[in-house]
Amino acid sequence: MMEKISATVDPAQPSLWKQPGRARVEYMLLMAAVTFIVGIALLLSGGPVVGNSIGVYRPSNGTFYLRDTNTTGFADHIVKLGNANSLPIIGPWEGGADRLGIFDKRRGVFSLSVGFVTNVPFLTFVFGNAGDLPLAGWWDNTMRTSGVGVFRPTNGMIYLKRLLSAGNADYMMAIGRPGDLPVTGHWTPLGGSGVGLFRPSDGTFYLVNQAANGVVNYDQIFRFGIGSDLPISDNWTNSSRADGIGVYRPSNATFYLRNSLTTGYADSAFRFGIPGDLPVTGNWEANTFRGLPGSSLEFSEPHTGTSPLTPATAAPSVAPPVGNFDG
């Protein structure tokens, strides 16, 4: 017969929390160490932590619709910023969380949300020409905040600036050709942001690992997407590896995300937005929105009401293939 084992507590022995000094401190330090080790293990194993997520900017009403997860559903945050002449731009303008911004495509003016002061929400400066497309990224390892840049479709040049101010470009890269669309991301685990292009004519990404001057060679080339798609990039899995890429298909308001910088099928696909929207990506922490006009997060409440965004039931059950894989 198996012996029954019981535990008893000596009432004369004080509990740990009643013991003064060293025993309690040692226990608290032990628990803190365990928590830290478990957290690191979850990060390294790709545990429940999720990566950055998507959103759309609607030029027709100058509004960001942002979602906390890469799934179909209603917008979690709604921020009105800009107008029909604005293009969205996202970056950690102060070196911390991602912040929102807009680029006036008529005048080449950046307006970036900074700080937590309600009546001074923007840093505004001229960089670029009318018709340029905006970029943001950490162009080298010495930068303390994100810089900006523009791609000029008329000559296929990228102009990058390290500081958030008007002035001459720090990097001028001959990288593309008219009709290309720009994209930025961390194409390697180390170093600053790389730049790249999506070529609608052949559904191909052309990536350069780091900023440089002059004519540059592509470090990575792969096909993903079709001609009408708009390119995006971010760390979808919160891993320490390079960013993944993706495309937003305006014709069906669908995001197609891929975790690696390779040709292949989308790792996830879901609908969000309406035709005519422009895609954005980032980490939508609460302090991203403080001080911005029309932000639903001013009230610490996600948007749950009626919205023109695609309802959750419209998500495709299987991620369709993206691009041509004939080589």
Protein backbone atom coordinates (compact mmCIF):
# COMPACT_ATOMS: atom_id res chain seq x y z
CA MET A 1 0.00 0.00 0.00
CA MET A 2 1.26 3.42 -0.93
CA GLU A 3 2.04 5.46 2.14
CA LYS A 4 0.05 8.63 2.45
CA ILE A 5 2.22 11.66 2.79
CA SER A 6 0.90 14.79 4.40
CA ALA A 7 2.38 18.12 5.13
CA THR A 8 1.97 19.99 8.37
CA VAL A 9 2.74 23.52 9.31
CA ASP A 10 4.34 24.34 12.63
CA PRO A 11 2.29 27.19 14.03
CA ALA A 12 5.29 28.28 16.00
CA GLN A 13 7.30 28.84 12.78
CA PRO A 14 6.56 32.26 11.23
CA SER A 15 5.72 32.39 7.52
CA LEU A 16 8.17 33.80 5.03
CA TRP A 17 6.25 37.06 4.74
CA LYS A 18 6.33 37.47 8.51
CA GLN A 19 10.09 36.96 8.65
CA PRO A 20 11.97 40.23 8.65
CA GLY A 21 14.91 41.09 6.48
CA ARG A 22 17.07 38.61 4.65
CA ALA A 23 14.76 35.62 4.02
CA ARG A 24 12.07 37.74 2.44
CA VAL A 25 14.54 39.72 0.35
CA GLU A 26 16.20 36.53 -0.91
CA TYR A 27 12.83 35.09 -1.91
CA MET A 28 11.85 38.25 -3.80
CA LEU A 29 15.17 38.28 -5.62
CA LEU A 30 14.70 34.63 -6.56
CA MET A 31 11.23 35.27 -7.96
CA ALA A 32 12.49 38.27 -9.93
CA ALA A 33 15.27 36.16 -11.42
CA VAL A 34 12.82 33.40 -12.39
CA THR A 35 10.49 35.92 -14.01
CA PHE A 36 13.36 37.43 -15.99
CA ILE A 37 14.59 34.03 -17.19
CA VAL A 38 11.09 32.95 -18.24
CA GLY A 39 10.59 36.20 -20.12
CA ILE A 40 13.85 35.77 -22.01
CA ALA A 41 12.94 32.17 -22.83
CA LEU A 42 9.58 33.25 -24.26
CA LEU A 43 11.23 35.85 -26.44
CA LEU A 44 13.83 33.42 -27.75
CA SER A 45 11.29 30.70 -28.38
CA GLY A 46 8.81 32.93 -30.19
CA GLY A 47 6.30 32.54 -27.36
CA PRO A 48 3.05 34.42 -26.92
CA VAL A 49 4.61 37.83 -27.58
CA VAL A 50 3.34 39.24 -30.85
CA GLY A 51 5.15 41.48 -33.26
CA ASN A 52 4.26 44.82 -34.75
CA SER A 53 0.90 45.24 -36.40
CA ILE A 54 -0.82 46.95 -39.27
CA GLY A 55 -3.19 49.76 -40.01
CA VAL A 56 -4.43 51.90 -42.86
CA TYR A 57 -4.49 55.59 -43.64
CA ARG A 58 -7.57 56.86 -45.44
CA PRO A 59 -6.72 59.95 -47.51
CA SER A 60 -10.38 60.62 -48.26
CA ASN A 61 -10.96 61.66 -44.65
CA GLY A 62 -7.38 62.10 -43.38
CA THR A 63 -7.69 59.33 -40.78
CA PHE A 64 -5.52 56.50 -39.44
CA TYR A 65 -7.30 53.23 -38.60
CA LEU A 66 -4.93 51.04 -36.58
CA ARG A 67 -5.20 47.48 -35.36
CA ASP A 68 -3.33 45.93 -32.41
CA THR A 69 -3.16 42.46 -33.98
CA ASN A 70 -2.57 41.22 -37.50
CA THR A 71 -6.11 40.01 -37.95
CA THR A 72 -9.34 41.17 -39.52
CA GLY A 73 -11.58 43.22 -37.26
CA PHE A 74 -12.57 46.73 -36.28
CA ALA A 75 -9.94 49.40 -35.73
CA ASP A 76 -8.53 49.51 -32.19
CA HIS A 77 -7.41 53.12 -32.58
CA ILE A 78 -8.67 55.90 -34.83
CA VAL A 79 -6.67 59.10 -35.28
CA LYS A 80 -7.60 61.98 -37.58
CA LEU A 81 -4.48 63.58 -39.00
CA GLY A 82 -3.96 65.26 -42.37
CA ASN A 83 -6.12 65.46 -45.46
CA ALA A 84 -6.50 64.15 -48.98
CA ASN A 85 -3.05 65.51 -49.91
CA SER A 86 -1.30 63.67 -47.07
CA LEU A 87 0.71 60.46 -47.17
CA PRO A 88 1.24 58.51 -43.92
CA ILE A 89 4.66 58.09 -42.29
CA ILE A 90 5.47 56.13 -39.10
CA GLY A 91 8.62 56.26 -36.97
CA PRO A 92 10.09 56.56 -33.47
CA TRP A 93 10.72 60.29 -33.75
CA GLU A 94 11.97 60.46 -30.18
CA GLY A 95 13.76 57.12 -30.12
CA GLY A 96 11.01 55.24 -28.25
CA ALA A 97 7.59 54.11 -29.40
CA ASP A 98 6.41 54.54 -32.96
CA ARG A 99 4.67 57.83 -33.61
CA LEU A 100 2.41 59.00 -36.41
CA GLY A 101 3.19 61.54 -39.07
CA ILE A 102 2.11 62.80 -42.46
CA PHE A 103 3.89 64.03 -45.57
CA ASP A 104 2.29 66.71 -47.73
CA LYS A 105 2.81 65.37 -51.24
CA ARG A 106 2.14 68.80 -52.78
CA ARG A 107 4.80 70.71 -50.85
CA GLY A 108 7.30 68.14 -49.57
CA VAL A 109 6.55 68.90 -45.91
CA PHE A 110 6.81 66.42 -43.02
CA SER A 111 4.55 66.90 -39.97
CA LEU A 112 5.49 64.51 -37.17
CA SER A 113 3.79 63.95 -33.82
CA VAL A 114 6.27 64.35 -30.96
CA GLY A 115 6.11 64.71 -27.19
CA PHE A 116 3.09 64.61 -24.93
CA VAL A 117 2.12 68.27 -25.01
CA THR A 118 -1.40 68.53 -26.38
CA ASN A 119 -1.03 71.98 -27.90
CA VAL A 120 2.34 71.29 -29.57
CA PRO A 121 1.87 67.91 -31.24
CA PHE A 122 3.95 68.41 -34.39
CA LEU A 123 7.45 68.86 -35.67
CA THR A 124 7.15 70.33 -39.16
CA PHE A 125 9.90 70.80 -41.74
CA VAL A 126 10.48 70.73 -45.49
CA PHE A 127 12.42 67.86 -47.02
CA GLY A 128 11.72 66.73 -50.55
CA ASN A 129 9.79 67.89 -53.56
CA ALA A 130 6.20 67.69 -54.66
CA GLY A 131 5.47 64.16 -55.83
CA ASP A 132 8.09 62.48 -53.61
CA LEU A 133 7.18 59.45 -51.48
CA PRO A 134 8.17 59.54 -47.76
CA LEU A 135 10.45 57.13 -45.86
CA ALA A 136 11.54 56.70 -42.24
CA GLY A 137 14.33 54.66 -40.65
CA TRP A 138 17.54 54.45 -38.64
CA TRP A 139 20.02 55.11 -41.43
CA ASP A 140 23.09 54.24 -39.34
CA ASN A 141 23.99 52.93 -35.88
CA THR A 142 24.92 56.35 -34.49
CA MET A 143 21.41 57.76 -34.76
CA ARG A 144 19.41 58.28 -31.57
CA THR A 145 16.04 58.75 -33.28
CA SER A 146 14.53 57.76 -36.59
CA GLY A 147 15.40 59.87 -39.60
CA VAL A 148 13.35 60.53 -42.70
CA GLY A 149 13.80 60.34 -46.42
CA VAL A 150 12.04 60.48 -49.75
CA PHE A 151 11.96 58.43 -52.92
CA ARG A 152 11.71 60.48 -56.09
CA PRO A 153 9.77 58.55 -58.74
CA THR A 154 10.90 60.86 -61.52
CA ASN A 155 14.57 59.82 -61.25
CA GLY A 156 14.58 56.65 -59.12
CA MET A 157 16.67 58.31 -56.39
CA ILE A 158 16.37 57.94 -52.61
CA TYR A 159 17.36 60.91 -50.42
CA LEU A 160 17.85 60.20 -46.71
CA LYS A 161 18.35 62.60 -43.81
CA ARG A 162 19.57 61.63 -40.35
CA LEU A 163 18.06 64.59 -38.52
CA LEU A 164 14.40 65.55 -38.38
CA SER A 165 14.93 68.94 -39.98
CA ALA A 166 15.19 70.70 -43.30
CA GLY A 167 18.52 70.58 -45.07
CA ASN A 168 20.64 68.61 -47.49
CA ALA A 169 20.39 64.82 -47.71
CA ASP A 170 23.02 62.78 -45.87
CA TYR A 171 22.66 59.88 -48.30
CA MET A 172 21.72 59.99 -51.97
CA MET A 173 21.18 56.56 -53.50
CA ALA A 174 20.65 55.71 -57.14
CA ILE A 175 18.52 52.67 -56.57
CA GLY A 176 15.42 52.47 -58.72
CA ARG A 177 13.51 53.68 -61.70
CA PRO A 178 10.24 55.50 -62.36
CA GLY A 179 7.24 53.49 -61.22
CA ASP A 180 9.01 51.80 -58.28
CA LEU A 181 7.60 52.06 -54.74
CA PRO A 182 9.90 52.50 -51.71
CA VAL A 183 10.10 50.34 -48.59
CA THR A 184 12.36 50.35 -45.53
CA GLY A 185 13.17 47.76 -42.88
CA HIS A 186 15.86 45.92 -40.97
CA TRP A 187 16.96 43.42 -43.61
CA THR A 188 19.67 42.00 -41.30
CA PRO A 189 19.52 41.38 -37.52
CA LEU A 190 22.27 43.95 -36.89
CA GLY A 191 22.79 47.47 -38.16
CA GLY A 192 20.47 50.27 -39.14
CA SER A 193 17.51 50.35 -41.48
CA GLY A 194 17.96 49.23 -45.02
CA VAL A 195 16.02 50.57 -47.96
CA GLY A 196 14.43 48.89 -50.90
CA LEU A 197 11.95 49.04 -53.71
CA PHE A 198 8.93 47.12 -54.86
CA ARG A 199 8.63 47.03 -58.63
CA PRO A 200 4.97 46.64 -59.63
CA SER A 201 5.89 45.72 -63.21
CA ASP A 202 7.33 42.37 -62.07
CA GLY A 203 6.09 42.01 -58.45
CA THR A 204 9.66 41.98 -57.14
CA PHE A 205 11.37 43.40 -54.05
CA TYR A 206 14.88 44.84 -54.46
CA LEU A 207 16.53 45.41 -51.06
CA VAL A 208 19.74 47.15 -49.97
CA ASN A 209 20.94 46.28 -46.46
CA GLN A 210 22.26 49.71 -45.49
CA ALA A 211 22.21 53.33 -46.56
CA ALA A 212 25.00 54.50 -48.86
CA ASN A 213 25.85 57.15 -51.40
CA GLY A 214 25.95 56.72 -55.16
CA VAL A 215 24.86 53.79 -57.29
CA VAL A 216 24.09 50.78 -55.09
CA ASN A 217 23.83 47.06 -55.69
CA TYR A 218 20.88 45.06 -54.44
CA ASP A 219 21.63 42.68 -51.57
CA GLN A 220 18.39 40.70 -51.87
CA ILE A 221 15.96 40.18 -54.73
CA PHE A 222 12.80 38.10 -54.55
CA ARG A 223 9.26 38.07 -55.90
CA PHE A 224 6.24 38.59 -53.69
CA GLY A 225 3.04 40.27 -54.75
CA ILE A 226 1.38 41.50 -57.92
CA GLY A 227 1.47 44.76 -59.83
CA SER A 228 -1.32 46.55 -57.98
CA ASP A 229 0.06 45.81 -54.50
CA LEU A 230 1.62 48.31 -52.08
CA PRO A 231 4.74 47.18 -50.17
CA ILE A 232 5.15 47.09 -46.37
CA SER A 233 7.70 45.70 -43.93
CA ASP A 234 7.98 45.09 -40.19
CA ASN A 235 8.83 42.50 -37.55
CA TRP A 236 5.63 40.43 -37.60
CA THR A 237 6.84 37.87 -35.01
CA ASN A 238 8.77 40.04 -32.50
CA SER A 239 11.88 37.98 -33.20
CA SER A 240 15.48 39.13 -33.12
CA ARG A 241 15.81 38.20 -36.75
CA ALA A 242 15.38 40.48 -39.73
CA ASP A 243 12.05 42.10 -40.54
CA GLY A 244 9.55 40.38 -42.73
CA ILE A 245 7.80 41.90 -45.71
CA GLY A 246 4.28 42.11 -47.00
CA VAL A 247 1.92 43.75 -49.43
CA TYR A 248 -1.44 45.45 -49.17
CA ARG A 249 -3.78 44.74 -52.07
CA PRO A 250 -6.14 47.70 -52.51
CA SER A 251 -8.42 45.82 -54.90
CA ASN A 252 -9.61 43.52 -52.10
CA ALA A 253 -8.38 45.48 -49.03
CA THR A 254 -6.23 42.53 -47.95
CA PHE A 255 -2.85 42.32 -46.21
CA TYR A 256 -0.49 39.49 -47.17
CA LEU A 257 2.41 39.13 -44.71
CA ARG A 258 5.53 36.97 -45.00
CA ASN A 259 7.90 36.41 -42.08
CA SER A 260 11.04 35.96 -44.18
CA LEU A 261 12.65 37.91 -47.01
CA THR A 262 12.03 35.23 -49.60
CA THR A 263 9.64 34.29 -52.36
CA GLY A 264 6.80 32.06 -51.20
CA TYR A 265 3.27 31.96 -49.87
CA ALA A 266 1.95 34.49 -47.39
CA ASP A 267 2.29 33.37 -43.77
CA SER A 268 -0.88 35.27 -42.97
CA ALA A 269 -3.56 37.03 -44.97
CA PHE A 270 -6.51 39.05 -43.70
CA ARG A 271 -8.79 41.87 -44.76
CA PHE A 272 -8.68 45.32 -43.20
CA GLY A 273 -9.69 48.62 -44.73
CA ILE A 274 -11.45 49.62 -47.90
CA PRO A 275 -10.23 50.23 -51.47
CA GLY A 276 -8.23 53.43 -51.63
CA ASP A 277 -6.62 53.04 -48.20
CA LEU A 278 -2.83 53.17 -47.74
CA PRO A 279 -1.07 50.62 -45.48
CA VAL A 280 0.98 51.47 -42.37
CA THR A 281 2.78 49.31 -39.80
CA GLY A 282 4.13 49.89 -36.30
CA ASN A 283 3.88 49.29 -32.58
CA TRP A 284 0.71 51.06 -31.48
CA GLU A 285 1.51 51.74 -27.83
CA ALA A 286 -0.74 54.10 -25.92
CA ASN A 287 1.71 57.00 -25.93
CA THR A 288 1.75 56.88 -29.72
CA PHE A 289 -1.45 58.90 -29.80
CA ARG A 290 -1.37 61.33 -26.90
CA GLY A 291 -1.95 64.89 -27.96
CA LEU A 292 -3.18 64.01 -31.44
CA PRO A 293 -6.49 65.45 -32.65
CA GLY A 294 -9.37 63.04 -33.04
CA SER A 295 -7.58 60.15 -31.31
CA SER A 296 -9.90 57.57 -29.80
CA LEU A 297 -7.05 56.69 -27.44
CA GLU A 298 -7.36 60.09 -25.76
CA PHE A 299 -10.17 58.35 -23.89
CA SER A 300 -8.23 55.08 -23.42
CA GLU A 301 -10.95 53.20 -25.26
CA PRO A 302 -10.60 51.23 -28.51
CA HIS A 303 -13.05 51.85 -31.29
CA THR A 304 -15.82 49.27 -31.13
CA GLY A 305 -18.68 50.93 -32.95
CA THR A 306 -19.88 50.83 -36.51
CA SER A 307 -17.01 51.26 -38.94
CA PRO A 308 -16.43 51.03 -42.68
CA LEU A 309 -13.65 48.54 -41.97
CA THR A 310 -14.10 44.93 -42.92
CA PRO A 311 -15.87 42.87 -40.22
CA ALA A 312 -14.06 39.95 -38.64
CA THR A 313 -16.14 37.33 -40.42
CA ALA A 314 -14.75 38.37 -43.81
CA ALA A 315 -11.22 37.02 -43.23
CA PRO A 316 -10.10 34.34 -45.72
CA SER A 317 -9.72 30.95 -44.08
CA VAL A 318 -6.58 30.09 -46.03
CA ALA A 319 -3.85 32.53 -46.99
CA PRO A 320 -3.77 32.56 -50.82
CA PRO A 321 -0.50 32.41 -52.72
CA VAL A 322 1.10 35.72 -53.58
CA GLY A 323 3.22 36.35 -56.63
CA ASN A 324 4.53 34.26 -59.47
CA PHE A 325 6.75 31.37 -58.44
CA ASP A 326 7.96 30.29 -61.84
CA GLY A 327 11.38 31.82 -61.06
